[in-house]
Amino acid sequence: MPISPLFAAATVPIPLAAPDARLQGLHLEHDDLDAAIAALSLSGSADDLIITRLKKRKLHLKDEIAALMAGVVCDRVARAS
């Protein structure tokens, strides 16, 4: 089953950038996925497989955000020392 254009952005990797810009992009994608999941859930005609995949992607983004946040905090502490 091909991915509909609505969800294509959820599968496109964000290019590596400065940590703050990357973090902002990940937060934006996470929020977009949250909105898409909510809209699909409310529609009643959503494919459970698509929703499951979007939720997995959202969790992956959450983990990536946490890892990047830890790195940014460590970098800022190291620069302050």
PDB file of N, CA and C in Angstrom:
ATOM      1  N   MET A   1       0.843  -1.169   0.000  1.00  0.00           N
ATOM      2  CA  MET A   1       0.000   0.000   0.000  1.00  0.00           C
ATOM      3  C   MET A   1       0.888   1.232   0.000  1.00  0.00           C
ATOM      4  N   PRO A   2       0.764   2.098  -1.003  1.00  0.00           N
ATOM      5  CA  PRO A   2       1.608   3.288  -1.044  1.00  0.00           C
ATOM      6  C   PRO A   2       1.237   4.273   0.063  1.00  0.00           C
ATOM      7  N   ILE A   3       2.204   5.051   0.459  1.00  0.00           N
ATOM      8  CA  ILE A   3       1.984   6.056   1.496  1.00  0.00           C
ATOM      9  C   ILE A   3       1.293   7.251   0.869  1.00  0.00           C
ATOM     10  N   SER A   4       0.221   7.694   1.494  1.00  0.00           N
ATOM     11  CA  SER A   4      -0.491   8.847   0.959  1.00  0.00           C
ATOM     12  C   SER A   4       0.346  10.101   1.180  1.00  0.00           C
ATOM     13  N   PRO A   5       0.158  11.118   0.345  1.00  0.00           N
ATOM     14  CA  PRO A   5       0.958  12.345   0.482  1.00  0.00           C
ATOM     15  C   PRO A   5       0.834  12.992   1.859  1.00  0.00           C
ATOM     16  N   LEU A   6      -0.298  12.788   2.526  1.00  0.00           N
ATOM     17  CA  LEU A   6      -0.494  13.363   3.849  1.00  0.00           C
ATOM     18  C   LEU A   6       0.560  12.874   4.836  1.00  0.00           C
ATOM     19  N   PHE A   7       0.988  11.625   4.673  1.00  0.00           N
ATOM     20  CA  PHE A   7       1.926  11.022   5.616  1.00  0.00           C
ATOM     21  C   PHE A   7       3.339  10.911   5.063  1.00  0.00           C
ATOM     22  N   ALA A   8       3.560  11.368   3.851  1.00  0.00           N
ATOM     23  CA  ALA A   8       4.881  11.253   3.241  1.00  0.00           C
ATOM     24  C   ALA A   8       5.922  12.019   4.044  1.00  0.00           C
ATOM     25  N   ALA A   9       5.551  13.163   4.605  1.00  0.00           N
ATOM     26  CA  ALA A   9       6.508  13.966   5.367  1.00  0.00           C
ATOM     27  C   ALA A   9       6.984  13.231   6.609  1.00  0.00           C
ATOM     28  N   ALA A  10       6.190  12.310   7.126  1.00  0.00           N
ATOM     29  CA  ALA A  10       6.567  11.577   8.326  1.00  0.00           C
ATOM     30  C   ALA A  10       7.693  10.591   8.059  1.00  0.00           C
ATOM     31  N   THR A  11       7.945  10.288   6.787  1.00  0.00           N
ATOM     32  CA  THR A  11       8.981   9.316   6.465  1.00  0.00           C
ATOM     33  C   THR A  11      10.229   9.957   5.877  1.00  0.00           C
ATOM     34  N   VAL A  12      10.206  11.263   5.659  1.00  0.00           N
ATOM     35  CA  VAL A  12      11.344  11.948   5.077  1.00  0.00           C
ATOM     36  C   VAL A  12      12.287  12.371   6.191  1.00  0.00           C
ATOM     37  N   PRO A  13      13.530  11.886   6.176  1.00  0.00           N
ATOM     38  CA  PRO A  13      14.457  12.263   7.243  1.00  0.00           C
ATOM     39  C   PRO A  13      14.817  13.746   7.157  1.00  0.00           C
ATOM     40  N   ILE A  14      15.008  14.346   8.306  1.00  0.00           N
ATOM     41  CA  ILE A  14      15.428  15.738   8.362  1.00  0.00           C
ATOM     42  C   ILE A  14      16.944  15.755   8.269  1.00  0.00           C
ATOM     43  N   PRO A  15      17.497  16.591   7.382  1.00  0.00           N
ATOM     44  CA  PRO A  15      18.959  16.608   7.247  1.00  0.00           C
ATOM     45  C   PRO A  15      19.638  17.053   8.539  1.00  0.00           C
ATOM     46  N   LEU A  16      20.863  16.574   8.718  1.00  0.00           N
ATOM     47  CA  LEU A  16      21.619  16.967   9.905  1.00  0.00           C
ATOM     48  C   LEU A  16      21.883  18.462   9.874  1.00  0.00           C
ATOM     49  N   ALA A  17      21.728  19.091  10.993  1.00  0.00           N
ATOM     50  CA  ALA A  17      21.929  20.529  11.106  1.00  0.00           C
ATOM     51  C   ALA A  17      22.461  20.819  12.497  1.00  0.00           C
ATOM     52  N   ALA A  18      22.554  22.077  12.810  1.00  0.00           N
ATOM     53  CA  ALA A  18      22.954  22.466  14.164  1.00  0.00           C
ATOM     54  C   ALA A  18      21.963  21.852  15.142  1.00  0.00           C
ATOM     55  N   PRO A  19      22.429  21.464  16.324  1.00  0.00           N
ATOM     56  CA  PRO A  19      21.537  20.779  17.273  1.00  0.00           C
ATOM     57  C   PRO A  19      20.235  21.518  17.562  1.00  0.00           C
ATOM     58  N   ASP A  20      20.290  22.831  17.733  1.00  0.00           N
ATOM     59  CA  ASP A  20      19.065  23.570  18.035  1.00  0.00           C
ATOM     60  C   ASP A  20      18.084  23.544  16.860  1.00  0.00           C
ATOM     61  N   ALA A  21      18.587  23.686  15.649  1.00  0.00           N
ATOM     62  CA  ALA A  21      17.725  23.650  14.467  1.00  0.00           C
ATOM     63  C   ALA A  21      17.161  22.247  14.276  1.00  0.00           C
ATOM     64  N   ARG A  22      17.978  21.247  14.468  1.00  0.00           N
ATOM     65  CA  ARG A  22      17.526  19.857  14.350  1.00  0.00           C
ATOM     66  C   ARG A  22      16.456  19.563  15.393  1.00  0.00           C
ATOM     67  N   LEU A  23      16.677  20.021  16.604  1.00  0.00           N
ATOM     68  CA  LEU A  23      15.727  19.812  17.681  1.00  0.00           C
ATOM     69  C   LEU A  23      14.387  20.473  17.361  1.00  0.00           C
ATOM     70  N   GLN A  24      14.438  21.669  16.838  1.00  0.00           N
ATOM     71  CA  GLN A  24      13.215  22.377  16.461  1.00  0.00           C
ATOM     72  C   GLN A  24      12.465  21.612  15.361  1.00  0.00           C
ATOM     73  N   GLY A  25      13.200  21.092  14.389  1.00  0.00           N
ATOM     74  CA  GLY A  25      12.582  20.312  13.316  1.00  0.00           C
ATOM     75  C   GLY A  25      11.948  19.032  13.829  1.00  0.00           C
ATOM     76  N   LEU A  26      12.610  18.374  14.762  1.00  0.00           N
ATOM     77  CA  LEU A  26      12.064  17.145  15.335  1.00  0.00           C
ATOM     78  C   LEU A  26      10.796  17.427  16.136  1.00  0.00           C
ATOM     79  N   HIS A  27      10.797  18.521  16.884  1.00  0.00           N
ATOM     80  CA  HIS A  27       9.599  18.904  17.632  1.00  0.00           C
ATOM     81  C   HIS A  27       8.441  19.201  16.680  1.00  0.00           C
ATOM     82  N   LEU A  28       8.738  19.875  15.587  1.00  0.00           N
ATOM     83  CA  LEU A  28       7.709  20.202  14.602  1.00  0.00           C
ATOM     84  C   LEU A  28       7.126  18.932  13.987  1.00  0.00           C
ATOM     85  N   GLU A  29       7.996  18.008  13.597  1.00  0.00           N
ATOM     86  CA  GLU A  29       7.523  16.745  13.020  1.00  0.00           C
ATOM     87  C   GLU A  29       6.713  15.945  14.045  1.00  0.00           C
ATOM     88  N   HIS A  30       7.145  15.932  15.299  1.00  0.00           N
ATOM     89  CA  HIS A  30       6.438  15.228  16.367  1.00  0.00           C
ATOM     90  C   HIS A  30       5.034  15.806  16.530  1.00  0.00           C
ATOM     91  N   ASP A  31       4.938  17.137  16.539  1.00  0.00           N
ATOM     92  CA  ASP A  31       3.635  17.788  16.665  1.00  0.00           C
ATOM     93  C   ASP A  31       2.741  17.510  15.466  1.00  0.00           C
ATOM     94  N   ASP A  32       3.328  17.502  14.267  1.00  0.00           N
ATOM     95  CA  ASP A  32       2.565  17.191  13.053  1.00  0.00           C
ATOM     96  C   ASP A  32       2.013  15.772  13.103  1.00  0.00           C
ATOM     97  N   LEU A  33       2.839  14.832  13.561  1.00  0.00           N
ATOM     98  CA  LEU A  33       2.383  13.454  13.680  1.00  0.00           C
ATOM     99  C   LEU A  33       1.268  13.332  14.709  1.00  0.00           C
ATOM    100  N   ASP A  34       1.399  14.060  15.801  1.00  0.00           N
ATOM    101  CA  ASP A  34       0.366  14.051  16.831  1.00  0.00           C
ATOM    102  C   ASP A  34      -0.966  14.521  16.249  1.00  0.00           C
ATOM    103  N   ALA A  35      -0.931  15.590  15.474  1.00  0.00           N
ATOM    104  CA  ALA A  35      -2.152  16.115  14.851  1.00  0.00           C
ATOM    105  C   ALA A  35      -2.717  15.132  13.829  1.00  0.00           C
ATOM    106  N   ALA A  36      -1.851  14.503  13.048  1.00  0.00           N
ATOM    107  CA  ALA A  36      -2.301  13.545  12.040  1.00  0.00           C
ATOM    108  C   ALA A  36      -2.944  12.323  12.695  1.00  0.00           C
ATOM    109  N   ILE A  37      -2.339  11.836  13.774  1.00  0.00           N
ATOM    110  CA  ILE A  37      -2.881  10.683  14.489  1.00  0.00           C
ATOM    111  C   ILE A  37      -4.246  11.027  15.075  1.00  0.00           C
ATOM    112  N   ALA A  38      -4.357  12.207  15.663  1.00  0.00           N
ATOM    113  CA  ALA A  38      -5.637  12.625  16.241  1.00  0.00           C
ATOM    114  C   ALA A  38      -6.709  12.747  15.161  1.00  0.00           C
ATOM    115  N   ALA A  39      -6.358  13.334  14.026  1.00  0.00           N
ATOM    116  CA  ALA A  39      -7.323  13.502  12.938  1.00  0.00           C
ATOM    117  C   ALA A  39      -7.770  12.153  12.392  1.00  0.00           C
ATOM    118  N   LEU A  40      -6.822  11.245  12.224  1.00  0.00           N
ATOM    119  CA  LEU A  40      -7.172   9.918  11.715  1.00  0.00           C
ATOM    120  C   LEU A  40      -8.037   9.153  12.711  1.00  0.00           C
ATOM    121  N   SER A  41      -7.715   9.285  13.977  1.00  0.00           N
ATOM    122  CA  SER A  41      -8.490   8.588  15.002  1.00  0.00           C
ATOM    123  C   SER A  41      -9.925   9.093  15.054  1.00  0.00           C
ATOM    124  N   LEU A  42     -10.098  10.389  14.862  1.00  0.00           N
ATOM    125  CA  LEU A  42     -11.443  10.976  14.892  1.00  0.00           C
ATOM    126  C   LEU A  42     -12.247  10.676  13.636  1.00  0.00           C
ATOM    127  N   SER A  43     -11.555  10.404  12.526  1.00  0.00           N
ATOM    128  CA  SER A  43     -12.256  10.182  11.265  1.00  0.00           C
ATOM    129  C   SER A  43     -13.069   8.892  11.272  1.00  0.00           C
ATOM    130  N   GLY A  44     -12.650   7.921  12.069  1.00  0.00           N
ATOM    131  CA  GLY A  44     -13.384   6.666  12.159  1.00  0.00           C
ATOM    132  C   GLY A  44     -13.097   5.697  11.035  1.00  0.00           C
ATOM    133  N   SER A  45     -12.579   6.182   9.929  1.00  0.00           N
ATOM    134  CA  SER A  45     -12.305   5.299   8.801  1.00  0.00           C
ATOM    135  C   SER A  45     -10.808   5.072   8.615  1.00  0.00           C
ATOM    136  N   ALA A  46     -10.051   5.344   9.645  1.00  0.00           N
ATOM    137  CA  ALA A  46      -8.598   5.241   9.561  1.00  0.00           C
ATOM    138  C   ALA A  46      -8.140   3.787   9.562  1.00  0.00           C
ATOM    139  N   ASP A  47      -7.068   3.542   8.832  1.00  0.00           N
ATOM    140  CA  ASP A  47      -6.438   2.232   8.786  1.00  0.00           C
ATOM    141  C   ASP A  47      -5.581   2.088  10.046  1.00  0.00           C
ATOM    142  N   ASP A  48      -5.835   1.044  10.826  1.00  0.00           N
ATOM    143  CA  ASP A  48      -5.100   0.829  12.077  1.00  0.00           C
ATOM    144  C   ASP A  48      -3.600   0.682  11.848  1.00  0.00           C
ATOM    145  N   LEU A  49      -3.221   0.082  10.728  1.00  0.00           N
ATOM    146  CA  LEU A  49      -1.804  -0.097  10.424  1.00  0.00           C
ATOM    147  C   LEU A  49      -1.114   1.255  10.230  1.00  0.00           C
ATOM    148  N   ILE A  50      -1.771   2.165   9.545  1.00  0.00           N
ATOM    149  CA  ILE A  50      -1.196   3.496   9.329  1.00  0.00           C
ATOM    150  C   ILE A  50      -1.046   4.218  10.661  1.00  0.00           C
ATOM    151  N   ILE A  51      -2.069   4.158  11.488  1.00  0.00           N
ATOM    152  CA  ILE A  51      -1.998   4.817  12.791  1.00  0.00           C
ATOM    153  C   ILE A  51      -0.879   4.216  13.635  1.00  0.00           C
ATOM    154  N   THR A  52      -0.741   2.910  13.612  1.00  0.00           N
ATOM    155  CA  THR A  52       0.320   2.240  14.369  1.00  0.00           C
ATOM    156  C   THR A  52       1.695   2.690  13.884  1.00  0.00           C
ATOM    157  N   ARG A  53       1.873   2.776  12.581  1.00  0.00           N
ATOM    158  CA  ARG A  53       3.156   3.218  12.031  1.00  0.00           C
ATOM    159  C   ARG A  53       3.452   4.660  12.405  1.00  0.00           C
ATOM    160  N   LEU A  54       2.442   5.512  12.367  1.00  0.00           N
ATOM    161  CA  LEU A  54       2.641   6.905  12.749  1.00  0.00           C
ATOM    162  C   LEU A  54       3.001   7.015  14.228  1.00  0.00           C
ATOM    163  N   LYS A  55       2.359   6.207  15.057  1.00  0.00           N
ATOM    164  CA  LYS A  55       2.672   6.221  16.490  1.00  0.00           C
ATOM    165  C   LYS A  55       4.096   5.745  16.743  1.00  0.00           C
ATOM    166  N   LYS A  56       4.545   4.726  16.008  1.00  0.00           N
ATOM    167  CA  LYS A  56       5.919   4.241  16.159  1.00  0.00           C
ATOM    168  C   LYS A  56       6.915   5.316  15.750  1.00  0.00           C
ATOM    169  N   ARG A  57       6.596   6.018  14.653  1.00  0.00           N
ATOM    170  CA  ARG A  57       7.475   7.098  14.192  1.00  0.00           C
ATOM    171  C   ARG A  57       7.518   8.205  15.242  1.00  0.00           C
ATOM    172  N   LYS A  58       6.372   8.504  15.836  1.00  0.00           N
ATOM    173  CA  LYS A  58       6.296   9.541  16.864  1.00  0.00           C
ATOM    174  C   LYS A  58       7.151   9.155  18.078  1.00  0.00           C
ATOM    175  N   LEU A  59       7.091   7.883  18.490  1.00  0.00           N
ATOM    176  CA  LEU A  59       7.923   7.416  19.605  1.00  0.00           C
ATOM    177  C   LEU A  59       9.405   7.488  19.267  1.00  0.00           C
ATOM    178  N   HIS A  60       9.737   7.150  18.021  1.00  0.00           N
ATOM    179  CA  HIS A  60      11.131   7.239  17.588  1.00  0.00           C
ATOM    180  C   HIS A  60      11.603   8.691  17.668  1.00  0.00           C
ATOM    181  N   LEU A  61      10.757   9.615  17.234  1.00  0.00           N
ATOM    182  CA  LEU A  61      11.112  11.028  17.307  1.00  0.00           C
ATOM    183  C   LEU A  61      11.299  11.470  18.754  1.00  0.00           C
ATOM    184  N   LYS A  62      10.426  10.983  19.639  1.00  0.00           N
ATOM    185  CA  LYS A  62      10.533  11.330  21.057  1.00  0.00           C
ATOM    186  C   LYS A  62      11.881  10.884  21.613  1.00  0.00           C
ATOM    187  N   ASP A  63      12.301   9.668  21.261  1.00  0.00           N
ATOM    188  CA  ASP A  63      13.598   9.155  21.704  1.00  0.00           C
ATOM    189  C   ASP A  63      14.739   9.989  21.131  1.00  0.00           C
ATOM    190  N   GLU A  64      14.615  10.349  19.865  1.00  0.00           N
ATOM    191  CA  GLU A  64      15.656  11.143  19.213  1.00  0.00           C
ATOM    192  C   GLU A  64      15.747  12.540  19.846  1.00  0.00           C
ATOM    193  N   ILE A  65      14.591  13.121  20.159  1.00  0.00           N
ATOM    194  CA  ILE A  65      14.557  14.429  20.823  1.00  0.00           C
ATOM    195  C   ILE A  65      15.232  14.332  22.193  1.00  0.00           C
ATOM    196  N   ALA A  66      14.910  13.292  22.949  1.00  0.00           N
ATOM    197  CA  ALA A  66      15.506  13.120  24.278  1.00  0.00           C
ATOM    198  C   ALA A  66      17.015  12.971  24.181  1.00  0.00           C
ATOM    199  N   ALA A  67      17.483  12.182  23.228  1.00  0.00           N
ATOM    200  CA  ALA A  67      18.924  11.988  23.065  1.00  0.00           C
ATOM    201  C   ALA A  67      19.609  13.284  22.660  1.00  0.00           C
ATOM    202  N   LEU A  68      18.987  14.013  21.759  1.00  0.00           N
ATOM    203  CA  LEU A  68      19.564  15.276  21.316  1.00  0.00           C
ATOM    204  C   LEU A  68      19.550  16.305  22.443  1.00  0.00           C
ATOM    205  N   MET A  69      18.476  16.327  23.220  1.00  0.00           N
ATOM    206  CA  MET A  69      18.391  17.251  24.365  1.00  0.00           C
ATOM    207  C   MET A  69      19.507  16.948  25.364  1.00  0.00           C
ATOM    208  N   ALA A  70      19.758  15.689  25.615  1.00  0.00           N
ATOM    209  CA  ALA A  70      20.823  15.308  26.543  1.00  0.00           C
ATOM    210  C   ALA A  70      22.174  15.784  26.015  1.00  0.00           C
ATOM    211  N   GLY A  71      22.386  15.642  24.721  1.00  0.00           N
ATOM    212  CA  GLY A  71      23.638  16.096  24.118  1.00  0.00           C
ATOM    213  C   GLY A  71      23.782  17.598  24.141  1.00  0.00           C
ATOM    214  N   VAL A  72      22.707  18.311  23.880  1.00  0.00           N
ATOM    215  CA  VAL A  72      22.740  19.771  23.889  1.00  0.00           C
ATOM    216  C   VAL A  72      23.017  20.279  25.290  1.00  0.00           C
ATOM    217  N   VAL A  73      22.375  19.686  26.281  1.00  0.00           N
ATOM    218  CA  VAL A  73      22.597  20.099  27.671  1.00  0.00           C
ATOM    219  C   VAL A  73      24.041  19.833  28.066  1.00  0.00           C
ATOM    220  N   CYS A  74      24.569  18.667  27.706  1.00  0.00           N
ATOM    221  CA  CYS A  74      25.961  18.332  28.029  1.00  0.00           C
ATOM    222  C   CYS A  74      26.922  19.307  27.353  1.00  0.00           C
ATOM    223  N   ASP A  75      26.650  19.636  26.098  1.00  0.00           N
ATOM    224  CA  ASP A  75      27.505  20.578  25.372  1.00  0.00           C
ATOM    225  C   ASP A  75      27.482  21.952  26.020  1.00  0.00           C
ATOM    226  N   ARG A  76      26.311  22.405  26.417  1.00  0.00           N
ATOM    227  CA  ARG A  76      26.190  23.731  27.026  1.00  0.00           C
ATOM    228  C   ARG A  76      26.880  23.770  28.400  1.00  0.00           C
ATOM    229  N   VAL A  77      26.776  22.692  29.150  1.00  0.00           N
ATOM    230  CA  VAL A  77      27.445  22.619  30.455  1.00  0.00           C
ATOM    231  C   VAL A  77      28.950  22.617  30.245  1.00  0.00           C
ATOM    232  N   ALA A  78      29.416  21.865  29.260  1.00  0.00           N
ATOM    233  CA  ALA A  78      30.852  21.782  28.994  1.00  0.00           C
ATOM    234  C   ALA A  78      31.403  23.142  28.543  1.00  0.00           C
ATOM    235  N   ARG A  79      30.631  23.856  27.727  1.00  0.00           N
ATOM    236  CA  ARG A  79      31.091  25.175  27.265  1.00  0.00           C
ATOM    237  C   ARG A  79      31.100  26.190  28.407  1.00  0.00           C
ATOM    238  N   ALA A  80      30.200  26.037  29.360  1.00  0.00           N
ATOM    239  CA  ALA A  80      30.120  26.971  30.478  1.00  0.00           C
ATOM    240  C   ALA A  80      31.255  26.766  31.470  1.00  0.00           C
ATOM    241  N   SER A  81      31.824  25.587  31.477  1.00  0.00           N
ATOM    242  CA  SER A  81      32.898  25.278  32.450  1.00  0.00           C
ATOM    243  C   SER A  81      34.205  25.896  32.068  1.00  0.00           C
TER     244      SER A  81
END
